[in-house]
Amino acid sequence: MSGKCPQCGKPTVEAYKPFCSKRCADVDLARWFREDYRIPTAEPPVPDDDEE
């Protein structure tokens, strides 16, 4: 049984599981690097040193 790629919805490929291709895997990795994925928290954000 094959799943669907979380990026585009195409069937997964064993070599790139859970993705369908290297491109979709790289898109996901880029989103992690840009911190697009975040876990919600009740803590206030920590100010950057540049904002002072």
N, C-alpha and C. Protein backbone atom coordinates (compact mmCIF):
# COMPACT_ATOMS: atom_id res chain seq x y z
N MET A 1 0.84 -1.18 0.00
CA MET A 1 0.00 0.00 0.00
C MET A 1 0.89 1.25 0.00
N SER A 2 0.61 2.15 -0.90
CA SER A 2 1.40 3.36 -1.04
C SER A 2 0.61 4.55 -0.52
N GLY A 3 1.31 5.49 0.10
CA GLY A 3 0.67 6.69 0.60
C GLY A 3 0.73 7.80 -0.43
N LYS A 4 0.32 8.98 0.00
CA LYS A 4 0.36 10.15 -0.86
C LYS A 4 1.42 11.12 -0.36
N CYS A 5 2.07 11.77 -1.29
CA CYS A 5 3.09 12.77 -0.98
C CYS A 5 2.43 13.93 -0.23
N PRO A 6 2.99 14.34 0.91
CA PRO A 6 2.39 15.44 1.67
C PRO A 6 2.53 16.80 0.96
N GLN A 7 3.40 16.90 -0.03
CA GLN A 7 3.58 18.17 -0.74
C GLN A 7 2.62 18.31 -1.92
N CYS A 8 2.48 17.26 -2.74
CA CYS A 8 1.71 17.40 -3.98
C CYS A 8 0.56 16.40 -4.12
N GLY A 9 0.54 15.37 -3.26
CA GLY A 9 -0.56 14.41 -3.30
C GLY A 9 -0.35 13.24 -4.25
N LYS A 10 0.76 13.20 -4.98
CA LYS A 10 1.05 12.07 -5.87
C LYS A 10 1.44 10.86 -5.03
N PRO A 11 1.39 9.67 -5.60
CA PRO A 11 1.81 8.46 -4.86
C PRO A 11 3.29 8.56 -4.46
N THR A 12 3.60 8.03 -3.29
CA THR A 12 4.98 8.08 -2.80
C THR A 12 5.87 7.12 -3.59
N VAL A 13 7.18 7.41 -3.56
CA VAL A 13 8.19 6.56 -4.18
C VAL A 13 9.09 6.08 -3.05
N GLU A 14 9.39 4.80 -3.03
CA GLU A 14 10.15 4.20 -1.93
C GLU A 14 11.45 4.96 -1.63
N ALA A 15 12.16 5.38 -2.65
CA ALA A 15 13.45 6.06 -2.46
C ALA A 15 13.30 7.41 -1.75
N TYR A 16 12.15 8.05 -1.86
CA TYR A 16 11.95 9.38 -1.27
C TYR A 16 10.84 9.40 -0.23
N LYS A 17 10.40 8.26 0.22
CA LYS A 17 9.28 8.16 1.14
C LYS A 17 9.47 9.10 2.32
N PRO A 18 8.52 9.87 2.71
CA PRO A 18 7.09 9.86 2.37
C PRO A 18 6.75 10.74 1.17
N PHE A 19 7.77 11.16 0.40
CA PHE A 19 7.53 12.04 -0.74
C PHE A 19 7.53 11.26 -2.04
N CYS A 20 7.16 11.94 -3.13
CA CYS A 20 7.11 11.29 -4.43
C CYS A 20 8.38 11.52 -5.24
N SER A 21 9.17 12.52 -4.85
CA SER A 21 10.37 12.87 -5.62
C SER A 21 11.35 13.64 -4.74
N LYS A 22 12.57 13.78 -5.27
CA LYS A 22 13.58 14.58 -4.57
C LYS A 22 13.12 16.03 -4.48
N ARG A 23 12.45 16.52 -5.52
CA ARG A 23 11.98 17.91 -5.52
C ARG A 23 11.04 18.16 -4.34
N CYS A 24 10.04 17.29 -4.15
CA CYS A 24 9.10 17.49 -3.04
C CYS A 24 9.82 17.37 -1.69
N ALA A 25 10.79 16.47 -1.59
CA ALA A 25 11.56 16.35 -0.35
C ALA A 25 12.35 17.63 -0.09
N ASP A 26 12.93 18.20 -1.15
CA ASP A 26 13.70 19.44 -1.00
C ASP A 26 12.81 20.62 -0.65
N VAL A 27 11.61 20.67 -1.20
CA VAL A 27 10.66 21.73 -0.86
C VAL A 27 10.34 21.67 0.64
N ASP A 28 10.11 20.47 1.15
CA ASP A 28 9.83 20.30 2.57
C ASP A 28 11.02 20.72 3.42
N LEU A 29 12.23 20.34 3.01
CA LEU A 29 13.43 20.71 3.75
C LEU A 29 13.61 22.23 3.78
N ALA A 30 13.35 22.88 2.66
CA ALA A 30 13.44 24.34 2.61
C ALA A 30 12.45 24.99 3.56
N ARG A 31 11.28 24.41 3.67
CA ARG A 31 10.29 24.96 4.61
C ARG A 31 10.77 24.82 6.05
N TRP A 32 11.45 23.74 6.37
CA TRP A 32 12.03 23.59 7.72
C TRP A 32 13.11 24.64 7.94
N PHE A 33 13.98 24.85 6.94
CA PHE A 33 15.07 25.83 7.08
C PHE A 33 14.53 27.24 7.27
N ARG A 34 13.42 27.57 6.61
CA ARG A 34 12.82 28.91 6.75
C ARG A 34 11.96 29.02 8.01
N GLU A 35 11.88 27.93 8.77
CA GLU A 35 11.07 27.85 9.99
C GLU A 35 9.59 28.09 9.71
N ASP A 36 9.12 27.60 8.54
CA ASP A 36 7.69 27.68 8.22
C ASP A 36 6.86 26.76 9.11
N TYR A 37 7.49 25.67 9.57
CA TYR A 37 6.79 24.74 10.45
C TYR A 37 7.09 25.14 11.89
N ARG A 38 6.04 25.39 12.65
CA ARG A 38 6.23 25.79 14.04
C ARG A 38 5.21 25.07 14.93
N ILE A 39 5.62 24.82 16.14
CA ILE A 39 4.72 24.22 17.12
C ILE A 39 4.15 25.37 17.95
N PRO A 40 2.82 25.50 18.00
CA PRO A 40 2.22 26.60 18.78
C PRO A 40 2.62 26.51 20.26
N THR A 41 2.84 27.65 20.86
CA THR A 41 3.22 27.71 22.27
C THR A 41 2.61 28.95 22.91
N ALA A 42 2.50 28.94 24.22
CA ALA A 42 1.95 30.07 24.94
C ALA A 42 3.06 31.05 25.37
N GLU A 43 4.31 30.68 25.12
CA GLU A 43 5.43 31.53 25.51
C GLU A 43 5.54 32.73 24.57
N PRO A 44 5.91 33.91 25.12
CA PRO A 44 6.11 35.08 24.25
C PRO A 44 7.35 34.88 23.39
N PRO A 45 7.39 35.47 22.19
CA PRO A 45 8.56 35.33 21.33
C PRO A 45 9.80 35.99 21.95
N VAL A 46 10.94 35.42 21.67
CA VAL A 46 12.20 35.96 22.15
C VAL A 46 12.66 37.00 21.13
N PRO A 47 12.93 38.25 21.57
CA PRO A 47 13.34 39.28 20.61
C PRO A 47 14.72 38.99 20.05
N ASP A 48 14.93 39.31 18.77
CA ASP A 48 16.23 39.18 18.14
C ASP A 48 17.14 40.29 18.66
N ASP A 49 18.44 40.07 18.62
CA ASP A 49 19.40 41.08 19.04
C ASP A 49 19.35 42.30 18.13
N ASP A 50 18.96 42.10 16.85
CA ASP A 50 18.91 43.18 15.87
C ASP A 50 17.76 44.15 16.12
N GLU A 51 16.74 43.74 16.83
CA GLU A 51 15.54 44.56 17.04
C GLU A 51 15.71 45.61 18.13
N GLU A 52 16.78 45.56 18.89
CA GLU A 52 16.96 46.49 20.00
C GLU A 52 17.48 47.82 19.58
